[in-house]
Protein backbone atom coordinates (compact mmCIF):
# COMPACT_ATOMS: atom_id res chain seq x y z
CA MET A 1 -5.66 14.69 3.69
CA THR A 2 -8.88 16.54 4.37
CA VAL A 3 -11.58 16.95 1.72
CA SER A 4 -14.99 18.52 2.20
CA VAL A 5 -17.87 16.88 0.37
CA LYS A 6 -21.62 17.20 0.29
CA VAL A 7 -23.61 13.98 0.52
CA ARG A 8 -27.28 13.21 0.17
CA LYS A 9 -29.30 13.04 3.38
CA ASP A 10 -29.81 9.26 3.06
CA VAL A 11 -26.05 8.72 2.75
CA LEU A 12 -25.40 10.82 5.85
CA GLU A 13 -28.01 8.80 7.73
CA LEU A 14 -26.25 5.60 6.69
CA ILE A 15 -22.89 7.02 7.80
CA ASP A 16 -24.33 8.00 11.18
CA LYS A 17 -25.82 4.52 11.63
CA MET A 18 -22.43 2.96 10.87
CA VAL A 19 -20.96 5.04 13.71
CA ARG A 20 -23.90 4.41 16.08
CA TYR A 21 -23.72 0.63 15.64
CA GLY A 22 -19.93 0.50 15.95
CA LEU A 23 -19.21 -0.36 12.32
CA ALA A 24 -17.04 2.76 12.11
CA ARG A 25 -15.21 4.88 14.70
CA SER A 26 -16.29 8.19 13.17
CA ARG A 27 -18.04 9.71 10.17
CA SER A 28 -14.68 10.02 8.47
CA HIS A 29 -13.93 6.34 9.09
CA ALA A 30 -17.41 5.39 7.80
CA ILE A 31 -16.89 7.38 4.61
CA ASN A 32 -13.53 5.73 4.06
CA ILE A 33 -15.13 2.29 4.49
CA LEU A 34 -17.79 3.17 1.91
CA ILE A 35 -15.17 4.43 -0.52
CA GLU A 36 -12.91 1.41 -0.08
CA ARG A 37 -15.76 -1.02 -0.69
CA GLY A 38 -16.62 0.78 -3.93
CA LEU A 39 -13.05 1.17 -5.19
CA LYS A 40 -12.83 -2.31 -6.73
CA GLU A 41 -15.89 -1.71 -8.91
CA ILE A 42 -14.74 1.77 -9.94
CA ARG A 43 -11.21 0.57 -10.72
CA SER A 44 -12.66 -2.13 -12.94
CA GLU A 45 -14.77 0.38 -14.86
CA ILE A 46 -11.82 2.77 -15.25
CA GLU A 47 -9.65 -0.06 -16.58
CA PHE A 48 -12.37 -0.83 -19.13
CA TRP A 49 -12.51 2.81 -20.32
CA GLU A 50 -8.72 3.11 -20.43
CA LYS A 51 -8.64 0.09 -22.74
CA VAL A 52 -11.40 1.57 -24.91
CA TYR A 53 -9.45 4.83 -25.28
CA ARG A 54 -6.19 2.97 -26.05
CA ASP A 55 -7.99 0.87 -28.67
CA VAL A 56 -9.53 3.96 -30.29
CA GLU A 57 -6.11 5.63 -30.44
CA GLU A 58 -4.68 2.48 -32.04
CA PHE A 59 -7.48 2.40 -34.64
CA GLU A 60 -6.85 6.05 -35.45
CA LYS A 61 -3.11 5.36 -35.87
CA GLN A 62 -4.04 2.62 -38.34
CA GLY A 63 -6.08 5.10 -40.37
CA TYR A 64 -9.57 4.27 -39.19
CA VAL A 65 -11.95 7.16 -38.62
CA VAL A 66 -13.84 6.99 -35.35
CA ARG A 67 -16.84 9.30 -35.45
CA HIS A 68 -18.16 10.82 -32.27
CA GLY A 69 -21.23 9.11 -30.87
CA LEU A 70 -20.99 5.81 -32.69
CA LEU A 71 -18.73 4.26 -30.05
CA ASN A 72 -21.35 5.01 -27.41
CA LYS A 73 -23.96 3.16 -29.48
CA VAL A 74 -21.74 0.08 -29.74
CA LEU A 75 -20.97 0.13 -26.03
CA GLU A 76 -24.65 0.53 -25.10
CA GLU A 77 -25.57 -2.44 -27.27
CA ASP A 78 -22.80 -4.50 -25.66
CA ARG A 79 -23.90 -3.59 -22.14
CA GLY A 80 -27.49 -4.56 -23.01
CA ARG A 81 -26.49 -8.15 -23.68
């Protein structure tokens, strides 16, 4: 599948260096390598947020009221630890 994207100049320079030094066969291959290396981290974060949303839905089913904005405060405090 083909997708057109805009990237920052520094990212393009990195992609071109990957091709120049033989780390990738083409720009497309280099971009795929970059994406694949970042997928694990992104998947982990998405799993976290999916759980948060499931938990909120469960709390609401149990009659709790979740007010907008307060969840962000709790999460920010947790990430600061």
